[in-house]
């Protein structure tokens, strides 16, 4: 049973027992509410232009560093109170040893500036209920409950303002494991007896008012995991807070479609461009909050490519760092963010204030847009140095390198633009070129054939580009590696009958021999079924290989199953059709088709 978002009650009315049961039934996707208001906020432009933000998860959990009573926990470090079912009385004791004397607001803000960060959002109160600022509403805060006795948020707000970095607070408005009436502590308190409205009235709303009153202008109030309120109650909640800072933006996780911009699920990037303001949030390693044994940090190249991918879809990337219990930002986070900043110093024009690219993803990379310009983010250099921009109907006036505006040789054949690239480090994370043009260019078009070229070691055709028949569907599958370490993969699902089919249109640019590989996940139930792949006037048969059952709380492994070697005798557009040979259960969850040249 789902929470009735449209029940017309006022803020002061307590939820009925049936609504409480509905809160229990909410999935993470529902609590990640990515809907936003249809009304554009008057102050949204800075957010659209920013493109790169810093998320900071910092709280008592940082002191525990992923360990409790001799046991190590993995995944989301800020959830350790929940994972270990730590009683409130014992968790409260952690505060007595929390003394982050190495915290330096100037250093944190300068790191953001050096990294090319345009806004910073930090956890004022996470689900554990501990306030990282001087709250008069509760004494479970960093000033009253710890030996530190200072308000780090005051200093951080001032340090960011000095550097022109927009500042904002994360606030968990529904989940509060410390409070008897807060959401989702089921090991200390009986959920059915909770009065959520009492919690909102006595803690959440008063604390939010403190944050919106005492720390200067806020760029963002970043809410998380909505619950316990109807749409009318949420509207009243939002209206009450807006009065204090009408220029502040509210994230979509305020709930009920009342946010000012969309936040997708943790670590999720949409498959295709999204119009309107939105944001993708990622961890730098595997956890949001600090875990001392989590050392899986994204490299500078990975950050730069992730940032380009998000920008190419029209969104912002907010990358999280998790400082430790003493107030240190992890060494690799600081180092790798500064390396990212160096890249942005050279190529930032192609990211900041850009909109999504008009050129569908190519084997060489992605694109971003500004009026009359397409920025070509070349992640992989074609071996012959000839870059194809297919199906571009604008009148190209010039093409040049972004770093020194050196003009490049190019030609247009029909609607194709061929560019002679200069020599550059083929292992570079992202080298950007600019194509200026006149005239109107068609919007991003999923129906354009996906480019396949022998000039690249790999040509990957994502499930997003499939044309479907019958029961086949395109779904985003959400799963996790560690606890709360969420992953998302777009797949073709539901192909179970002979009439179900996924068709991919590809444009092969040079004749040659290619291997075709299907990347899929296959449950034990679906294994050993026969499938058919038709391409290049040939039928290739295969039998599915088992990977694992789909469980959103576990890793979802994919296998690369090579099906065929084929020769494309001439350049041109070809269709790849994939379907089951018999009626039965789902054939597999198809992630992508790989068409790689035989060398």
Protein backbone atom coordinates (compact mmCIF):
# COMPACT_ATOMS: atom_id res chain seq x y z
CA UNK A 1 0.00 0.00 0.00
CA UNK A 2 1.45 3.38 -0.96
CA UNK A 3 1.27 6.61 1.00
CA UNK A 4 -1.74 8.64 -0.19
CA UNK A 5 0.01 11.77 -1.40
CA UNK A 6 -3.19 13.56 -2.18
CA UNK A 7 -5.12 13.28 1.08
CA UNK A 8 -6.39 16.78 1.88
CA UNK A 9 -5.47 17.38 5.49
CA UNK A 10 -3.72 20.26 7.17
CA UNK A 11 -0.27 20.19 8.74
CA UNK A 12 -1.46 19.74 12.31
CA UNK A 13 -3.57 16.60 11.65
CA UNK A 14 -1.82 13.41 12.73
CA UNK A 15 -1.53 10.53 10.29
CA UNK A 16 -3.99 7.69 10.64
CA UNK A 17 -2.74 4.19 11.41
CA UNK A 18 -3.27 3.18 7.78
CA UNK A 19 -1.05 6.04 6.63
CA UNK A 20 1.63 4.94 9.11
CA UNK A 21 1.52 1.48 7.56
CA UNK A 22 1.90 3.09 4.16
CA UNK A 23 5.04 4.91 5.32
CA UNK A 24 6.52 1.51 6.24
CA UNK A 25 5.86 0.28 2.71
CA UNK A 26 7.76 3.10 0.98
CA UNK A 27 10.63 1.90 -1.17
CA UNK A 28 13.92 3.76 -1.52
CA UNK A 29 12.83 4.96 -4.97
CA UNK A 30 9.75 6.58 -3.39
CA UNK A 31 11.84 8.13 -0.64
CA UNK A 32 14.24 9.43 -3.29
CA UNK A 33 11.38 11.47 -4.78
CA UNK A 34 12.78 12.92 -8.03
CA UNK A 35 9.69 14.92 -8.98
CA UNK A 36 9.93 18.68 -9.04
CA UNK A 37 7.49 21.53 -9.36
CA UNK A 38 6.36 22.64 -12.81
CA UNK A 39 7.01 26.20 -11.70
CA UNK A 40 10.51 27.54 -12.33
CA UNK A 41 12.03 29.19 -9.27
CA UNK A 42 13.02 32.81 -9.85
CA UNK A 43 16.52 32.11 -8.51
CA UNK A 44 17.18 28.86 -10.41
CA UNK A 45 19.60 30.22 -13.04
CA UNK A 46 22.72 30.11 -10.84
CA UNK A 47 21.99 26.44 -10.18
CA UNK A 48 21.57 25.66 -13.87
CA UNK A 49 24.90 27.35 -14.60
CA UNK A 50 26.85 25.84 -11.67
CA UNK A 51 27.19 22.23 -12.94
CA UNK A 52 29.56 21.13 -10.16
CA UNK A 53 28.77 20.95 -6.45
CA UNK A 54 30.31 19.44 -3.34
CA UNK A 55 28.27 17.31 -0.96
CA UNK A 56 29.66 16.78 2.55
CA UNK A 57 28.35 14.09 4.91
CA UNK A 58 29.75 14.80 8.37
CA UNK A 59 28.41 13.84 11.78
CA UNK A 60 28.87 11.54 14.79
CA UNK A 61 29.12 8.59 12.40
CA UNK A 62 32.46 10.02 11.23
CA UNK A 63 33.83 9.38 14.73
CA UNK A 64 32.79 5.72 14.51
CA UNK A 65 34.44 5.47 11.06
CA UNK A 66 32.52 2.33 10.11
CA UNK A 67 33.16 0.32 13.28
CA UNK A 68 30.99 -0.54 16.27
CA UNK A 69 31.96 -2.86 19.13
CA UNK A 70 34.70 -4.55 17.15
CA UNK A 71 32.65 -5.12 14.00
CA UNK A 72 33.33 -3.35 10.71
CA UNK A 73 30.50 -2.09 8.52
CA UNK A 74 30.68 -1.34 4.79
CA UNK A 75 28.69 0.90 2.48
CA UNK A 76 26.93 3.96 3.87
CA UNK A 77 28.86 4.99 6.98
CA UNK A 78 26.21 7.49 8.05
CA UNK A 79 23.76 4.57 8.46
CA UNK A 80 25.85 2.76 11.09
CA UNK A 81 23.39 3.56 13.89
CA UNK A 82 20.70 1.83 11.82
CA UNK A 83 22.90 -1.02 10.57
CA UNK A 84 24.24 -1.89 14.01
CA UNK A 85 20.90 -1.12 15.73
CA UNK A 86 22.74 1.12 18.18
CA UNK A 87 20.41 2.15 21.02
CA UNK A 88 19.87 5.89 21.40
CA UNK A 89 21.39 5.87 24.87
CA UNK A 90 24.63 4.33 23.56
CA UNK A 91 24.78 6.46 20.42
CA UNK A 92 24.37 9.56 22.56
CA UNK A 93 27.56 8.57 24.34
CA UNK A 94 29.53 8.82 21.09
CA UNK A 95 29.04 12.58 21.21
CA UNK A 96 31.08 12.78 24.41
CA UNK A 97 34.21 11.81 22.42
CA UNK A 98 33.48 13.73 19.21
CA UNK A 99 36.01 16.57 19.07
CA UNK A 100 36.92 17.54 15.47
CA UNK A 101 39.73 19.93 16.38
CA UNK A 102 41.36 19.66 12.94
CA UNK A 103 38.32 21.12 11.16
CA UNK A 104 39.29 24.25 9.25
CA UNK A 105 36.48 26.03 7.43
CA UNK A 106 38.88 28.13 5.34
CA UNK A 107 40.66 25.01 4.09
CA UNK A 108 37.40 23.27 3.18
CA UNK A 109 36.06 26.28 1.30
CA UNK A 110 39.38 26.81 -0.47
CA UNK A 111 39.39 23.18 -1.56
CA UNK A 112 35.97 23.72 -3.09
CA UNK A 113 37.23 26.82 -4.88
CA UNK A 114 40.36 25.07 -6.12
CA UNK A 115 38.26 22.16 -7.42
CA UNK A 116 36.03 24.42 -9.50
CA UNK A 117 33.09 23.75 -7.18
CA UNK A 118 30.28 26.30 -7.44
CA UNK A 119 28.15 25.21 -4.48
CA UNK A 120 28.53 23.24 -1.27
CA UNK A 121 25.86 21.35 0.71
CA UNK A 122 26.66 19.88 4.15
CA UNK A 123 24.68 17.70 6.53
CA UNK A 124 23.18 19.90 9.25
CA UNK A 125 21.26 16.88 10.60
CA UNK A 126 21.31 13.40 9.13
CA UNK A 127 19.05 10.47 9.99
CA UNK A 128 20.85 9.93 13.32
CA UNK A 129 19.23 13.13 14.62
CA UNK A 130 22.49 14.83 15.62
CA UNK A 131 22.73 18.52 14.73
CA UNK A 132 26.12 19.69 13.43
CA UNK A 133 25.34 23.25 14.44
CA UNK A 134 24.28 25.16 17.57
CA UNK A 135 20.61 24.24 17.85
CA UNK A 136 18.41 25.70 20.56
CA UNK A 137 15.69 23.16 19.74
CA UNK A 138 17.66 20.10 20.88
CA UNK A 139 20.74 19.63 23.04
CA UNK A 140 21.79 16.69 20.84
CA UNK A 141 24.11 18.93 18.86
CA UNK A 142 27.79 19.64 18.40
CA UNK A 143 27.85 22.59 20.81
CA UNK A 144 25.88 21.12 23.70
CA UNK A 145 26.72 17.41 23.51
CA UNK A 146 30.42 17.32 22.54
CA UNK A 147 33.70 18.65 23.93
CA UNK A 148 34.16 20.66 20.71
CA UNK A 149 31.69 23.33 21.90
CA UNK A 150 31.80 25.32 18.66
CA UNK A 151 29.49 25.73 15.68
CA UNK A 152 31.45 24.69 12.55
CA UNK A 153 28.58 25.70 10.28
CA UNK A 154 28.97 29.39 11.15
CA UNK A 155 32.60 29.35 10.04
CA UNK A 156 31.87 27.29 6.93
CA UNK A 157 29.02 29.52 5.79
CA UNK A 158 31.29 32.57 6.14
CA UNK A 159 34.27 30.92 4.40
CA UNK A 160 32.18 29.94 1.38
CA UNK A 161 30.54 33.35 1.15
CA UNK A 162 34.01 34.94 1.06
CA UNK A 163 34.88 32.82 -2.00
CA UNK A 164 31.59 33.20 -3.84
CA UNK A 165 30.64 29.54 -3.37
CA UNK A 166 26.91 29.02 -2.79
CA UNK A 167 26.28 27.35 0.55
CA UNK A 168 23.46 25.08 1.64
CA UNK A 169 22.32 22.59 4.25
CA UNK A 170 21.22 18.98 4.01
CA UNK A 171 18.44 18.19 6.48
CA UNK A 172 16.74 14.83 7.06
CA UNK A 173 13.20 16.02 7.63
CA UNK A 174 11.44 12.71 8.32
CA UNK A 175 14.00 10.14 9.42
CA UNK A 176 15.32 10.87 12.90
CA UNK A 177 16.49 7.80 14.81
CA UNK A 178 17.17 9.79 17.99
CA UNK A 179 13.60 10.99 18.52
CA UNK A 180 10.69 8.81 19.77
CA UNK A 181 8.42 10.38 17.13
CA UNK A 182 10.98 10.56 14.33
CA UNK A 183 10.85 8.20 11.38
CA UNK A 184 12.39 4.73 11.14
CA UNK A 185 14.03 3.89 14.45
CA UNK A 186 12.24 0.57 15.01
CA UNK A 187 14.76 -0.90 17.50
CA UNK A 188 14.14 1.70 20.25
CA UNK A 189 10.65 2.92 19.45
CA UNK A 190 7.42 1.35 18.22
CA UNK A 191 6.63 2.86 14.86
CA UNK A 192 2.86 2.47 15.16
CA UNK A 193 2.82 4.68 18.25
CA UNK A 194 4.73 7.56 16.69
CA UNK A 195 3.22 10.99 16.18
CA UNK A 196 5.06 12.29 13.14
CA UNK A 197 3.32 15.63 13.22
CA UNK A 198 4.50 16.18 16.77
CA UNK A 199 8.04 15.49 15.60
CA UNK A 200 7.72 17.92 12.69
CA UNK A 201 6.20 20.57 14.92
CA UNK A 202 8.65 20.24 17.81
CA UNK A 203 11.95 19.47 16.06
CA UNK A 204 12.16 19.37 12.24
CA UNK A 205 10.41 22.64 11.46
CA UNK A 206 11.99 24.63 14.34
CA UNK A 207 15.47 23.37 13.40
CA UNK A 208 14.95 24.20 9.74
CA UNK A 209 13.88 27.68 10.78
CA UNK A 210 17.14 28.02 12.73
CA UNK A 211 19.14 27.03 9.68
CA UNK A 212 17.23 29.40 7.41
CA UNK A 213 17.62 32.26 9.88
CA UNK A 214 21.10 32.11 11.41
CA UNK A 215 23.57 31.31 8.60
CA UNK A 216 23.10 33.99 5.99
CA UNK A 217 21.67 33.48 2.49
CA UNK A 218 21.41 29.79 1.62
CA UNK A 219 21.63 28.61 -1.96
CA UNK A 220 19.99 25.27 -1.22
CA UNK A 221 18.08 23.40 1.44
CA UNK A 222 18.67 19.77 0.51
CA UNK A 223 15.94 17.60 2.02
CA UNK A 224 16.11 13.82 2.20
CA UNK A 225 13.73 10.85 2.40
CA UNK A 226 10.31 12.48 2.73
CA UNK A 227 7.59 10.77 4.72
CA UNK A 228 4.88 11.15 7.32
CA UNK A 229 3.06 13.95 5.50
CA UNK A 230 0.36 14.28 2.87
CA UNK A 231 0.78 16.61 -0.08
CA UNK A 232 -1.25 19.33 1.66
CA UNK A 233 0.89 19.01 4.77
CA UNK A 234 4.09 19.11 2.71
CA UNK A 235 2.84 22.21 0.89
CA UNK A 236 2.19 23.93 4.21
CA UNK A 237 5.65 22.84 5.41
CA UNK A 238 7.29 24.29 2.28
CA UNK A 239 5.28 27.52 2.43
CA UNK A 240 6.23 28.09 6.06
CA UNK A 241 9.94 27.76 5.29
CA UNK A 242 9.89 29.74 2.03
CA UNK A 243 8.96 32.90 3.91
CA UNK A 244 12.35 32.90 5.64
CA UNK A 245 14.49 32.63 2.50
CA UNK A 246 12.46 32.91 -0.69
CA UNK A 247 15.62 32.81 -2.84
CA UNK A 248 16.77 29.45 -1.45
CA UNK A 249 16.18 26.40 -3.63
CA UNK A 250 14.56 23.27 -2.20
CA UNK A 251 15.62 19.84 -3.49
CA UNK A 252 13.01 17.43 -4.87
CA UNK A 253 13.36 15.19 -1.83
CA UNK A 254 11.20 17.62 0.08
CA UNK A 255 8.57 15.33 -1.45
CA UNK A 256 5.24 15.45 -3.25
CA UNK A 257 6.71 17.07 -6.38
CA UNK A 258 7.21 20.39 -4.56
CA UNK A 259 10.97 20.78 -5.02
CA UNK A 260 12.62 23.36 -7.27
CA UNK A 261 14.81 20.88 -9.13
CA UNK A 262 15.11 17.13 -9.57
CA UNK A 263 17.50 14.89 -7.68
CA UNK A 264 17.72 11.39 -9.05
CA UNK A 265 18.54 8.32 -6.99
CA UNK A 266 21.90 8.06 -5.27
CA UNK A 267 24.62 7.56 -7.89
CA UNK A 268 22.20 7.75 -10.80
CA UNK A 269 22.56 9.51 -14.16
CA UNK A 270 19.58 9.44 -16.54
CA UNK A 271 20.19 7.63 -19.82
CA UNK A 272 19.22 10.58 -22.02
CA UNK A 273 19.07 14.38 -21.67
CA UNK A 274 16.57 15.81 -19.19
CA UNK A 275 15.09 19.26 -19.68
CA UNK A 276 14.77 21.52 -16.66
CA UNK A 277 17.11 21.77 -13.66
CA UNK A 278 18.36 18.52 -12.13
CA UNK A 279 21.22 17.06 -10.19
CA UNK A 280 23.08 13.77 -9.93
CA UNK A 281 24.68 12.91 -6.58
CA UNK A 282 27.69 10.60 -6.26
CA UNK A 283 30.07 9.49 -3.54
CA UNK A 284 33.79 9.95 -4.07
CA UNK A 285 34.44 6.48 -2.66
CA UNK A 286 31.77 3.92 -1.69
CA UNK A 287 30.29 5.71 1.32
CA UNK A 288 28.71 9.07 2.04
CA UNK A 289 29.88 9.24 5.66
CA UNK A 290 33.51 8.52 6.60
CA UNK A 291 34.61 4.88 6.81
CA UNK A 292 38.32 4.42 7.48
CA UNK A 293 38.54 1.13 5.55
CA UNK A 294 36.82 2.52 2.42
CA UNK A 295 39.63 3.43 0.03
CA UNK A 296 37.86 3.06 -3.33
CA UNK A 297 38.24 6.67 -4.49
CA UNK A 298 37.29 7.77 -7.99
CA UNK A 299 40.34 8.98 -9.89
CA UNK A 300 40.54 12.49 -11.36
CA UNK A 301 39.85 11.00 -14.81
CA UNK A 302 36.76 9.21 -13.50
CA UNK A 303 35.47 12.41 -11.90
CA UNK A 304 36.10 14.46 -15.04
CA UNK A 305 34.34 11.92 -17.28
CA UNK A 306 31.43 11.61 -14.86
CA UNK A 307 31.09 15.40 -14.78
CA UNK A 308 31.12 15.55 -18.59
CA UNK A 309 28.54 12.77 -18.85
CA UNK A 310 26.18 14.49 -16.39
CA UNK A 311 26.62 17.86 -18.13
CA UNK A 312 25.98 16.22 -21.52
CA UNK A 313 22.54 15.20 -20.19
CA UNK A 314 21.90 18.77 -18.93
CA UNK A 315 22.45 18.27 -15.20
CA UNK A 316 24.71 19.10 -12.29
CA UNK A 317 27.08 16.71 -10.54
CA UNK A 318 27.26 17.02 -6.75
CA UNK A 319 30.18 14.87 -5.59
CA UNK A 320 30.34 13.85 -1.94
CA UNK A 321 33.31 13.80 0.41
CA UNK A 322 33.18 12.34 3.91
CA UNK A 323 35.46 14.07 6.45
CA UNK A 324 36.74 12.02 9.39
CA UNK A 325 35.96 12.43 13.07
CA UNK A 326 38.79 14.93 13.57
CA UNK A 327 37.64 17.18 10.74
CA UNK A 328 40.04 16.08 8.00
CA UNK A 329 38.86 15.68 4.42
CA UNK A 330 40.41 12.41 3.12
CA UNK A 331 43.73 12.95 1.41
CA UNK A 332 42.66 11.41 -1.89
CA UNK A 333 39.46 13.45 -1.97
CA UNK A 334 41.42 16.68 -1.59
CA UNK A 335 44.11 15.63 -4.07
CA UNK A 336 41.79 14.30 -6.77
CA UNK A 337 39.37 17.22 -6.50
CA UNK A 338 42.21 19.67 -7.02
CA UNK A 339 43.27 17.72 -10.11
CA UNK A 340 39.70 18.02 -11.37
CA UNK A 341 39.93 21.76 -10.74
CA UNK A 342 43.03 21.97 -12.94
CA UNK A 343 41.09 20.38 -15.79
CA UNK A 344 38.20 22.80 -15.25
CA UNK A 345 40.63 25.73 -15.36
CA UNK A 346 41.42 24.67 -18.94
CA UNK A 347 38.06 23.34 -20.11
CA UNK A 348 35.48 24.85 -17.76
CA UNK A 349 33.85 26.82 -20.58
CA UNK A 350 32.51 23.51 -21.91
CA UNK A 351 30.87 22.66 -18.56
CA UNK A 352 29.73 25.80 -16.73
CA UNK A 353 26.51 27.40 -18.02
CA UNK A 354 26.20 24.69 -20.66
CA UNK A 355 23.09 22.74 -21.61
CA UNK A 356 22.79 19.17 -22.80
CA UNK A 357 24.54 18.13 -25.99
CA UNK A 358 22.62 17.83 -29.26
CA UNK A 359 24.81 14.99 -30.51
CA UNK A 360 23.89 11.53 -29.20
CA UNK A 361 26.74 9.77 -27.38
CA UNK A 362 29.47 8.62 -29.77
CA UNK A 363 32.33 6.12 -29.47
CA UNK A 364 34.60 9.12 -28.91
CA UNK A 365 32.58 10.71 -26.11
CA UNK A 366 29.79 13.21 -25.43
CA UNK A 367 28.83 16.80 -26.17
CA UNK A 368 27.55 19.87 -24.35
CA UNK A 369 25.91 22.97 -25.80
CA UNK A 370 25.88 26.75 -25.73
CA UNK A 371 24.15 28.97 -28.29
CA UNK A 372 25.83 28.38 -31.65
CA UNK A 373 28.39 25.98 -30.13
CA UNK A 374 28.78 22.28 -29.60
CA UNK A 375 31.56 21.27 -27.24
CA UNK A 376 32.98 17.90 -28.23
CA UNK A 377 34.31 16.03 -25.19
CA UNK A 378 36.72 13.52 -26.70
CA UNK A 379 37.28 10.78 -24.15
CA UNK A 380 38.66 8.30 -26.69
CA UNK A 381 40.69 9.44 -29.72
CA UNK A 382 39.91 7.65 -33.00
CA UNK A 383 43.05 5.83 -34.15
CA UNK A 384 43.18 7.67 -37.49
CA UNK A 385 42.46 11.06 -35.89
CA UNK A 386 39.30 11.56 -37.96
CA UNK A 387 36.37 12.50 -35.71
CA UNK A 388 32.85 12.00 -37.00
CA UNK A 389 29.97 14.19 -35.86
CA UNK A 390 27.05 12.46 -37.59
CA UNK A 391 23.73 13.89 -38.71
CA UNK A 392 24.52 17.52 -37.85
CA UNK A 393 22.24 19.84 -39.80
CA UNK A 394 23.62 23.18 -38.62
CA UNK A 395 25.85 25.30 -40.87
CA UNK A 396 29.30 24.81 -39.38
CA UNK A 397 31.42 27.96 -39.44
CA UNK A 398 34.58 26.76 -37.68
CA UNK A 399 36.08 24.06 -35.49
CA UNK A 400 38.91 24.69 -33.04
CA UNK A 401 40.67 23.52 -29.89
CA UNK A 402 39.18 24.95 -26.72
CA UNK A 403 42.50 25.55 -24.96
CA UNK A 404 44.19 27.77 -27.55
CA UNK A 405 41.48 28.36 -30.21
CA UNK A 406 43.63 26.75 -32.90
CA UNK A 407 41.52 26.21 -36.02
CA UNK A 408 41.15 22.62 -37.22
CA UNK A 409 40.67 21.20 -40.69
CA UNK A 410 37.16 19.87 -41.22
CA UNK A 411 34.73 19.04 -43.99
CA UNK A 412 31.02 18.44 -44.21
CA UNK A 413 29.65 15.59 -46.28
CA UNK A 414 25.87 15.67 -46.33
CA UNK A 415 24.91 16.01 -42.70
CA UNK A 416 28.19 14.51 -41.45
CA UNK A 417 31.03 16.64 -40.12
CA UNK A 418 34.51 15.10 -40.29
CA UNK A 419 37.18 16.78 -38.17
CA UNK A 420 40.96 16.28 -38.43
CA UNK A 421 42.07 16.11 -34.81
CA UNK A 422 45.52 17.30 -33.76
CA UNK A 423 47.83 14.96 -31.87
CA UNK A 424 47.10 14.88 -28.14
CA UNK A 425 47.54 12.52 -25.25
CA UNK A 426 45.20 9.65 -26.11
CA UNK A 427 45.10 8.69 -22.43
CA UNK A 428 43.91 12.15 -21.36
CA UNK A 429 40.68 12.11 -19.36
CA UNK A 430 38.82 14.50 -21.66
CA UNK A 431 40.09 16.76 -24.44
CA UNK A 432 37.55 19.33 -25.63
CA UNK A 433 37.04 20.80 -29.10
CA UNK A 434 34.51 23.42 -30.19
CA UNK A 435 32.29 23.35 -33.25
CA UNK A 436 30.60 26.67 -34.01
CA UNK A 437 27.57 26.75 -36.29
CA UNK A 438 24.70 28.83 -37.62
CA UNK A 439 21.09 27.83 -38.00
CA UNK A 440 18.77 25.59 -36.07
CA UNK A 441 19.87 22.12 -35.07
CA UNK A 442 17.49 19.27 -34.30
CA UNK A 443 17.12 18.26 -30.67
CA UNK A 444 18.73 15.11 -29.30
CA UNK A 445 17.25 12.18 -31.23
CA UNK A 446 17.32 8.61 -29.91
CA UNK A 447 16.28 7.23 -33.29
CA UNK A 448 19.57 8.25 -34.95
CA UNK A 449 21.64 5.11 -35.66
CA UNK A 450 24.44 4.55 -33.14
CA UNK A 451 27.90 4.96 -34.64
CA UNK A 452 30.12 1.87 -34.89
CA UNK A 453 33.69 2.39 -36.05
CA UNK A 454 36.81 0.26 -36.38
CA UNK A 455 38.79 3.29 -35.15
CA UNK A 456 37.83 2.44 -31.58
CA UNK A 457 38.62 -0.68 -29.59
CA UNK A 458 35.06 -0.78 -28.29
CA UNK A 459 31.68 0.28 -29.66
CA UNK A 460 28.94 0.00 -27.09
CA UNK A 461 25.24 0.34 -27.92
CA UNK A 462 23.26 0.97 -24.73
CA UNK A 463 19.84 -0.52 -24.02
CA UNK A 464 18.38 2.99 -24.13
CA UNK A 465 18.67 3.00 -27.92
CA UNK A 466 16.53 -0.12 -28.42
CA UNK A 467 13.26 -0.04 -30.34
CA UNK A 468 10.92 -2.52 -28.68
CA UNK A 469 8.19 -4.92 -29.68
CA UNK A 470 5.76 -6.97 -27.62
CA UNK A 471 6.41 -7.26 -23.88
CA UNK A 472 9.89 -5.77 -24.02
CA UNK A 473 10.48 -2.72 -21.82
CA UNK A 474 13.34 -0.40 -20.94
CA UNK A 475 13.82 -0.21 -17.17
CA UNK A 476 16.35 1.29 -14.78
CA UNK A 477 17.42 -1.46 -12.37
CA UNK A 478 18.52 -0.31 -8.92
CA UNK A 479 20.79 -2.52 -6.82
CA UNK A 480 23.69 -2.16 -4.39
CA UNK A 481 27.21 -3.40 -3.80
CA UNK A 482 27.67 -2.59 -0.14
CA UNK A 483 24.89 -1.45 2.18
CA UNK A 484 23.34 1.63 0.60
CA UNK A 485 26.02 1.78 -2.11
CA UNK A 486 23.43 2.08 -4.86
CA UNK A 487 23.97 1.37 -8.54
CA UNK A 488 21.62 1.89 -11.49
CA UNK A 489 21.67 0.19 -14.89
CA UNK A 490 19.32 0.70 -17.82
CA UNK A 491 18.28 -2.64 -19.34
CA UNK A 492 15.85 -4.11 -21.83
CA UNK A 493 13.64 -6.42 -19.77
CA UNK A 494 10.50 -8.52 -20.30
CA UNK A 495 11.45 -10.35 -23.51
CA UNK A 496 9.77 -13.71 -22.89
CA UNK A 497 7.87 -14.60 -26.07
CA UNK A 498 8.88 -15.07 -29.69
CA UNK A 499 7.03 -11.86 -30.56
CA UNK A 500 9.09 -9.80 -28.10
CA UNK A 501 12.07 -8.07 -29.63
CA UNK A 502 14.75 -5.43 -29.14
CA UNK A 503 16.01 -3.76 -32.31
CA UNK A 504 19.13 -1.62 -32.50
CA UNK A 505 20.01 0.58 -35.45
CA UNK A 506 23.75 1.04 -35.97
CA UNK A 507 25.78 2.94 -38.52
CA UNK A 508 28.99 1.16 -39.46
CA UNK A 509 31.46 3.75 -40.78
CA UNK A 510 34.04 1.41 -42.35
CA UNK A 511 33.80 -2.13 -43.70
CA UNK A 512 35.49 -4.85 -41.70
CA UNK A 513 35.22 -7.82 -39.37
CA UNK A 514 33.53 -7.33 -36.01
CA UNK A 515 32.71 -9.42 -32.97
CA UNK A 516 29.24 -8.90 -31.48
CA UNK A 517 28.84 -9.40 -27.75
CA UNK A 518 25.70 -9.15 -25.62
CA UNK A 519 26.11 -7.84 -22.09
CA UNK A 520 23.32 -9.09 -19.86
CA UNK A 521 22.23 -10.38 -16.48
CA UNK A 522 20.47 -13.74 -16.40
CA UNK A 523 18.67 -15.31 -13.45
CA UNK A 524 18.89 -19.08 -12.84
CA UNK A 525 15.29 -19.35 -14.02
CA UNK A 526 16.18 -17.70 -17.33
CA UNK A 527 19.42 -19.59 -17.98
CA UNK A 528 19.81 -22.09 -20.82
CA UNK A 529 17.11 -20.53 -22.98
CA UNK A 530 17.65 -20.11 -26.69
CA UNK A 531 17.79 -16.70 -28.28
CA UNK A 532 18.22 -15.34 -31.76
CA UNK A 533 20.24 -12.36 -33.00
CA UNK A 534 19.72 -11.23 -36.58
CA UNK A 535 22.25 -8.88 -38.14
CA UNK A 536 23.84 -8.36 -41.54
CA UNK A 537 21.36 -10.79 -43.18
CA UNK A 538 22.47 -13.57 -40.84
CA UNK A 539 20.83 -15.29 -37.88
CA UNK A 540 23.03 -16.16 -34.93
CA UNK A 541 21.69 -18.49 -32.24
CA UNK A 542 22.78 -18.61 -28.63
CA UNK A 543 21.85 -20.09 -25.26
CA UNK A 544 21.70 -17.79 -22.24
CA UNK A 545 24.33 -18.07 -19.52
CA UNK A 546 23.40 -17.80 -15.86
CA UNK A 547 24.63 -14.91 -13.73
CA UNK A 548 22.37 -14.42 -10.67
CA UNK A 549 18.92 -13.60 -9.39
CA UNK A 550 18.04 -9.90 -9.30
CA UNK A 551 18.05 -8.58 -5.73
CA UNK A 552 18.14 -4.82 -5.25
CA UNK A 553 20.14 -5.25 -2.02
CA UNK A 554 22.93 -7.20 -3.70
CA UNK A 555 25.30 -6.76 -6.63
CA UNK A 556 23.81 -7.41 -10.07
CA UNK A 557 26.50 -9.12 -12.15
CA UNK A 558 26.53 -8.86 -15.93
CA UNK A 559 28.21 -11.25 -18.33
CA UNK A 560 29.68 -10.35 -21.71
CA UNK A 561 28.59 -13.18 -23.97
CA UNK A 562 30.14 -13.10 -27.44
CA UNK A 563 27.54 -14.34 -29.92
CA UNK A 564 29.02 -13.86 -33.37
CA UNK A 565 31.76 -12.75 -35.70
CA UNK A 566 30.48 -11.05 -38.82
CA UNK A 567 31.81 -9.06 -41.73
CA UNK A 568 30.23 -5.77 -42.76
CA UNK A 569 31.19 -5.60 -46.43
CA UNK A 570 30.43 -1.91 -46.76
CA UNK A 571 29.71 1.13 -44.63
CA UNK A 572 26.05 1.73 -43.92
CA UNK A 573 23.14 1.38 -41.52
CA UNK A 574 22.37 -2.08 -40.14
CA UNK A 575 19.73 -3.48 -37.80
CA UNK A 576 20.43 -5.84 -34.92
CA UNK A 577 17.35 -7.77 -33.76
CA UNK A 578 17.38 -9.82 -30.57
CA UNK A 579 14.54 -12.05 -29.36
CA UNK A 580 13.72 -15.35 -27.60
CA UNK A 581 13.29 -18.45 -29.72
CA UNK A 582 10.60 -19.95 -27.49
CA UNK A 583 7.78 -18.64 -25.32
CA UNK A 584 8.59 -18.83 -21.63
CA UNK A 585 10.25 -16.74 -18.98
CA UNK A 586 12.30 -13.58 -19.52
CA UNK A 587 15.28 -14.23 -21.80
CA UNK A 588 17.66 -11.94 -19.85
CA UNK A 589 18.12 -8.34 -18.74
CA UNK A 590 20.04 -6.83 -21.66
CA UNK A 591 22.38 -3.98 -20.74
CA UNK A 592 24.16 -3.34 -24.04
CA UNK A 593 25.42 -4.68 -27.34
CA UNK A 594 29.16 -4.48 -28.02
CA UNK A 595 30.38 -4.38 -31.62
CA UNK A 596 34.16 -4.48 -31.57
CA UNK A 597 36.54 -4.58 -34.55
CA UNK A 598 38.67 -7.65 -35.12
CA UNK A 599 42.29 -6.53 -35.14
